[in-house]
Amino acid sequence: MDKLDPADSRAPYLQVAGRLREALRAETYRQGDKLPPHQAIADEFGVSVGTVKRAYTLLQDEQLIVTRQGQGTFVRASGAAVPPAEASPGGALNGVDLADLERRLTAVERKLGLAP
């Protein structure tokens, strides 16, 4: 894997998640494998550790990886079990992260007093 494409309109964490998803589909990382630490992925793609954490969270929400406190992050699904990015429930739709959009909407509703 190499640096992210600066011409890609998606947020960096979505690009990182997409590249990692591709690696899972290609079985670069197989079920049960330990993924590299956040800093190693950040260095590889030229992004911040926070960006990698956000990408890992997205993949965890999609149940492709699991993080065990103090042990690291492990692959839950690889190969054909990994859906393409377009079919990922927590992924992006035309460059829009649906989970992030939902969080933002909830925050606005709370500020307006429309949500608990």
C-alpha atoms as a PDB file:
ATOM      1  CA  MET A   1       0.000   0.000   0.000  1.00  0.00           C
ATOM      2  CA  ASP A   2       1.127   3.548  -0.579  1.00  0.00           C
ATOM      3  CA  LYS A   3       0.149   7.139   0.163  1.00  0.00           C
ATOM      4  CA  LEU A   4      -3.410   8.316  -0.381  1.00  0.00           C
ATOM      5  CA  ASP A   5      -4.556   9.933  -3.608  1.00  0.00           C
ATOM      6  CA  PRO A   6      -4.749  13.720  -3.045  1.00  0.00           C
ATOM      7  CA  ALA A   7      -7.245  13.978  -5.924  1.00  0.00           C
ATOM      8  CA  ASP A   8      -9.694  11.630  -4.138  1.00  0.00           C
ATOM      9  CA  SER A   9     -12.596  13.711  -2.790  1.00  0.00           C
ATOM     10  CA  ARG A  10     -13.325  11.288   0.054  1.00  0.00           C
ATOM     11  CA  ALA A  11     -12.176  12.098   3.588  1.00  0.00           C
ATOM     12  CA  PRO A  12      -8.764  10.571   4.397  1.00  0.00           C
ATOM     13  CA  TYR A  13     -10.215   8.124   6.936  1.00  0.00           C
ATOM     14  CA  LEU A  14     -12.609   6.802   4.285  1.00  0.00           C
ATOM     15  CA  GLN A  15      -9.695   6.338   1.905  1.00  0.00           C
ATOM     16  CA  VAL A  16      -7.690   4.482   4.571  1.00  0.00           C
ATOM     17  CA  ALA A  17     -10.688   2.301   5.445  1.00  0.00           C
ATOM     18  CA  GLY A  18     -11.199   1.564   1.753  1.00  0.00           C
ATOM     19  CA  ARG A  19      -7.583   0.564   1.245  1.00  0.00           C
ATOM     20  CA  LEU A  20      -7.664  -1.668   4.327  1.00  0.00           C
ATOM     21  CA  ARG A  21     -10.961  -3.182   3.153  1.00  0.00           C
ATOM     22  CA  GLU A  22      -9.285  -3.966  -0.190  1.00  0.00           C
ATOM     23  CA  ALA A  23      -6.391  -5.616   1.680  1.00  0.00           C
ATOM     24  CA  LEU A  24      -8.877  -7.746   3.634  1.00  0.00           C
ATOM     25  CA  ARG A  25     -10.651  -8.780   0.417  1.00  0.00           C
ATOM     26  CA  ALA A  26      -7.307  -9.677  -1.182  1.00  0.00           C
ATOM     27  CA  GLU A  27      -6.413 -11.619   1.973  1.00  0.00           C
ATOM     28  CA  THR A  28      -3.290  -9.559   2.569  1.00  0.00           C
ATOM     29  CA  TYR A  29      -4.631  -9.811   6.113  1.00  0.00           C
ATOM     30  CA  ARG A  30      -6.526 -13.027   6.888  1.00  0.00           C
ATOM     31  CA  GLN A  31      -9.090 -13.853   9.525  1.00  0.00           C
ATOM     32  CA  GLY A  32      -7.372 -13.884  12.933  1.00  0.00           C
ATOM     33  CA  ASP A  33      -4.350 -11.846  11.800  1.00  0.00           C
ATOM     34  CA  LYS A  34      -3.278  -8.911  13.919  1.00  0.00           C
ATOM     35  CA  LEU A  35      -3.389  -5.620  12.037  1.00  0.00           C
ATOM     36  CA  PRO A  36      -0.490  -3.174  12.258  1.00  0.00           C
ATOM     37  CA  PRO A  37      -0.723  -0.568  15.035  1.00  0.00           C
ATOM     38  CA  HIS A  38      -2.252   2.821  14.304  1.00  0.00           C
ATOM     39  CA  GLN A  39       1.129   4.546  14.023  1.00  0.00           C
ATOM     40  CA  ALA A  40       2.400   2.064  11.411  1.00  0.00           C
ATOM     41  CA  ILE A  41      -0.675   2.577   9.225  1.00  0.00           C
ATOM     42  CA  ALA A  42      -0.476   6.356   9.731  1.00  0.00           C
ATOM     43  CA  ASP A  43       3.153   6.345   8.581  1.00  0.00           C
ATOM     44  CA  GLU A  44       2.335   4.110   5.615  1.00  0.00           C
ATOM     45  CA  PHE A  45      -0.424   6.373   4.298  1.00  0.00           C
ATOM     46  CA  GLY A  46       0.995   9.699   5.462  1.00  0.00           C
ATOM     47  CA  VAL A  47      -1.974  10.521   7.714  1.00  0.00           C
ATOM     48  CA  SER A  48      -2.485  11.191  11.422  1.00  0.00           C
ATOM     49  CA  VAL A  49      -3.064   8.491  14.017  1.00  0.00           C
ATOM     50  CA  GLY A  50      -6.534   9.983  14.578  1.00  0.00           C
ATOM     51  CA  THR A  51      -7.378   9.350  10.924  1.00  0.00           C
ATOM     52  CA  VAL A  52      -6.347   5.711  11.286  1.00  0.00           C
ATOM     53  CA  LYS A  53      -8.371   5.327  14.496  1.00  0.00           C
ATOM     54  CA  ARG A  54     -11.410   6.638  12.675  1.00  0.00           C
ATOM     55  CA  ALA A  55     -10.822   4.217   9.784  1.00  0.00           C
ATOM     56  CA  TYR A  56     -10.427   1.307  12.225  1.00  0.00           C
ATOM     57  CA  THR A  57     -13.663   2.351  13.973  1.00  0.00           C
ATOM     58  CA  LEU A  58     -15.496   2.294  10.643  1.00  0.00           C
ATOM     59  CA  LEU A  59     -14.186  -1.196   9.843  1.00  0.00           C
ATOM     60  CA  GLN A  60     -15.068  -2.322  13.365  1.00  0.00           C
ATOM     61  CA  ASP A  61     -18.621  -0.974  12.903  1.00  0.00           C
ATOM     62  CA  GLU A  62     -18.785  -3.079   9.736  1.00  0.00           C
ATOM     63  CA  GLN A  63     -17.674  -6.085  11.841  1.00  0.00           C
ATOM     64  CA  LEU A  64     -14.612  -6.663   9.675  1.00  0.00           C
ATOM     65  CA  ILE A  65     -12.125  -6.147  12.512  1.00  0.00           C
ATOM     66  CA  VAL A  66     -12.189  -6.280  16.305  1.00  0.00           C
ATOM     67  CA  THR A  67     -10.044  -4.384  18.797  1.00  0.00           C
ATOM     68  CA  ARG A  68      -9.053  -6.031  22.063  1.00  0.00           C
ATOM     69  CA  GLN A  69      -7.874  -3.619  24.745  1.00  0.00           C
ATOM     70  CA  GLY A  70      -4.160  -4.068  25.361  1.00  0.00           C
ATOM     71  CA  GLN A  71      -3.795  -6.724  22.655  1.00  0.00           C
ATOM     72  CA  GLY A  72      -4.373  -4.959  19.350  1.00  0.00           C
ATOM     73  CA  THR A  73      -6.740  -5.110  16.405  1.00  0.00           C
ATOM     74  CA  PHE A  74      -7.566  -8.383  14.670  1.00  0.00           C
ATOM     75  CA  VAL A  75      -9.249  -9.397  11.419  1.00  0.00           C
ATOM     76  CA  ARG A  76     -12.740 -10.846  11.815  1.00  0.00           C
ATOM     77  CA  ALA A  77     -13.483 -11.303   8.113  1.00  0.00           C
ATOM     78  CA  SER A  78     -11.358 -11.555   5.004  1.00  0.00           C
ATOM     79  CA  GLY A  79     -11.581 -12.619   1.376  1.00  0.00           C
ATOM     80  CA  ALA A  80     -15.043 -13.037  -0.106  1.00  0.00           C
ATOM     81  CA  ALA A  81     -16.654 -12.301   3.301  1.00  0.00           C
ATOM     82  CA  VAL A  82     -15.630  -8.637   2.918  1.00  0.00           C
ATOM     83  CA  PRO A  83     -18.221  -6.650   0.981  1.00  0.00           C
ATOM     84  CA  PRO A  84     -17.055  -4.166  -1.629  1.00  0.00           C
ATOM     85  CA  ALA A  85     -16.904  -0.569  -0.366  1.00  0.00           C
ATOM     86  CA  GLU A  86     -20.164   0.338  -2.117  1.00  0.00           C
ATOM     87  CA  ALA A  87     -22.026  -2.389  -0.199  1.00  0.00           C
ATOM     88  CA  SER A  88     -20.543  -1.617   3.223  1.00  0.00           C
ATOM     89  CA  PRO A  89     -23.345  -0.566   5.590  1.00  0.00           C
ATOM     90  CA  GLY A  90     -21.194   1.882   7.555  1.00  0.00           C
ATOM     91  CA  GLY A  91     -19.276   3.063   4.545  1.00  0.00           C
ATOM     92  CA  ALA A  92     -19.599   5.958   2.207  1.00  0.00           C
ATOM     93  CA  LEU A  93     -22.331   6.651  -0.275  1.00  0.00           C
ATOM     94  CA  ASN A  94     -21.127   8.951  -3.037  1.00  0.00           C
ATOM     95  CA  GLY A  95     -18.371  10.209  -0.730  1.00  0.00           C
ATOM     96  CA  VAL A  96     -20.704  10.845   2.218  1.00  0.00           C
ATOM     97  CA  ASP A  97     -20.074   8.923   5.424  1.00  0.00           C
ATOM     98  CA  LEU A  98     -23.579   8.047   6.599  1.00  0.00           C
ATOM     99  CA  ALA A  99     -22.588   7.372  10.229  1.00  0.00           C
ATOM    100  CA  ASP A 100     -20.820  10.748  10.434  1.00  0.00           C
ATOM    101  CA  LEU A 101     -23.809  12.482   8.843  1.00  0.00           C
ATOM    102  CA  GLU A 102     -26.121  10.877  11.408  1.00  0.00           C
ATOM    103  CA  ARG A 103     -23.873  12.010  14.308  1.00  0.00           C
ATOM    104  CA  ARG A 104     -23.839  15.559  12.963  1.00  0.00           C
ATOM    105  CA  LEU A 105     -27.603  15.630  12.520  1.00  0.00           C
ATOM    106  CA  THR A 106     -28.116  14.385  16.092  1.00  0.00           C
ATOM    107  CA  ALA A 107     -25.780  17.109  17.390  1.00  0.00           C
ATOM    108  CA  VAL A 108     -27.734  19.803  15.517  1.00  0.00           C
ATOM    109  CA  GLU A 109     -31.047  18.437  16.805  1.00  0.00           C
ATOM    110  CA  ARG A 110     -29.718  18.535  20.376  1.00  0.00           C
ATOM    111  CA  LYS A 111     -28.572  22.161  19.961  1.00  0.00           C
ATOM    112  CA  LEU A 112     -32.016  23.062  18.703  1.00  0.00           C
ATOM    113  CA  GLY A 113     -33.691  21.180  21.548  1.00  0.00           C
ATOM    114  CA  LEU A 114     -35.330  18.704  19.191  1.00  0.00           C
ATOM    115  CA  ALA A 115     -33.603  15.600  20.566  1.00  0.00           C
ATOM    116  CA  PRO A 116     -32.955  14.356  24.125  1.00  0.00           C
END
